[in-house]
Protein backbone atom coordinates (compact mmCIF):
# COMPACT_ATOMS: atom_id res chain seq x y z
CA MET A 1 -5.29 -5.33 44.60
CA LEU A 2 -6.59 -5.00 41.02
CA ILE A 3 -5.70 -1.30 40.94
CA VAL A 4 -2.18 -1.86 42.25
CA GLY A 5 -1.59 -4.80 39.89
CA GLY A 6 -2.98 -2.81 36.96
CA SER A 7 -0.58 0.04 37.60
CA PHE A 8 2.42 -2.33 37.48
CA GLY A 9 1.11 -3.91 34.28
CA LEU A 10 0.56 -0.51 32.71
CA ARG A 11 4.11 0.51 33.62
CA GLU A 12 5.51 -2.61 31.90
CA PHE A 13 3.47 -2.10 28.72
CA SER A 14 4.46 1.57 28.59
CA GLN A 15 8.12 0.63 28.98
CA ILE A 16 7.88 -1.64 25.92
CA ARG A 17 6.83 1.34 23.84
CA TYR A 18 9.82 3.41 24.94
CA ASP A 19 12.24 0.52 24.47
CA ALA A 20 11.03 0.00 20.89
CA VAL A 21 11.92 3.60 20.01
CA LYS A 22 15.56 3.01 21.00
CA ILE A 23 16.03 0.32 18.33
CA LYS A 24 18.46 1.53 15.66
CA ILE A 25 18.32 0.54 12.01
CA ASP A 26 21.30 -0.32 9.85
CA PRO A 27 23.29 2.87 9.03
CA GLU A 28 23.60 1.90 5.36
CA LEU A 29 19.84 1.40 5.08
CA GLU A 30 19.19 4.70 6.84
CA LYS A 31 21.57 6.50 4.43
CA LYS A 32 19.88 4.85 1.44
CA LEU A 33 16.44 5.93 2.67
CA LYS A 34 17.59 9.52 3.07
CA GLU A 35 19.01 9.59 -0.48
CA ASN A 36 15.81 8.34 -2.11
CA LYS A 37 13.52 11.18 -1.14
CA VAL A 38 10.32 10.88 -3.15
CA SER A 39 7.76 13.57 -2.66
CA LEU A 40 4.29 14.10 -4.00
CA GLU A 41 5.48 17.12 -5.96
CA SER A 42 8.28 15.19 -7.70
CA GLU A 43 5.87 12.44 -8.75
CA TYR A 44 3.39 15.04 -9.99
CA GLU A 45 6.10 16.65 -12.14
CA LYS A 46 6.75 13.27 -13.78
CA ILE A 47 3.15 12.74 -14.91
CA LYS A 48 1.75 16.23 -15.36
CA ASP A 49 2.66 16.38 -19.06
CA SER A 50 1.30 12.90 -19.78
CA THR A 51 -1.78 12.64 -21.93
CA PHE A 52 -4.48 10.26 -20.90
CA ASP A 53 -6.69 10.75 -23.96
CA ASP A 54 -6.11 7.18 -25.07
CA TRP A 55 -6.90 5.79 -21.62
CA LYS A 56 -9.00 2.66 -21.69
CA ASN A 57 -10.73 1.54 -18.52
CA ILE A 58 -10.67 -2.24 -18.25
CA ARG A 59 -12.39 -3.89 -15.34
CA GLY A 60 -10.78 -6.80 -13.58
CA PRO A 61 -12.35 -10.22 -13.47
CA ARG A 62 -14.93 -11.07 -10.85
CA PRO A 63 -14.11 -13.99 -8.55
CA TRP A 64 -16.31 -16.40 -10.51
CA GLU A 65 -14.88 -15.39 -13.92
CA ASP A 66 -11.78 -16.84 -15.53
CA ALA A 67 -9.05 -14.17 -15.59
CA ASP A 68 -7.17 -15.75 -18.53
CA LEU A 69 -10.34 -15.82 -20.63
CA LEU A 70 -11.10 -12.15 -19.99
CA GLN A 71 -7.66 -10.73 -20.83
CA GLY A 72 -7.85 -8.58 -23.95
CA ARG A 73 -11.50 -9.34 -24.66
CA ASN A 74 -14.03 -6.82 -25.93
CA PRO A 75 -16.64 -6.00 -23.23
CA GLU A 76 -19.46 -6.30 -25.76
CA ILE A 77 -18.49 -9.90 -26.47
CA LEU A 78 -18.47 -10.65 -22.75
CA LYS A 79 -21.99 -9.31 -22.30
CA THR A 80 -23.36 -11.64 -24.95
CA LYS A 81 -21.47 -14.67 -23.59
CA THR A 82 -22.46 -14.23 -19.95
CA THR A 83 -26.18 -13.69 -20.59
């Protein structure tokens, strides 16, 4: 009885998957999505000539630190204040 009942349950769950594929999205939204094609190559072309020589790596605050206090602070000052 478990095998027969399981087969009916499996059929119902499989049918849900096929019914979900039939759902149509709004035609205007679909048209808008097709117009805005963004590819990895197009994004690479935008940033390939950028210079990152003046890049400054700033770590985010830890959960126990105050984020407003750390904004724009020098890391050397933070080391002396936390120790």
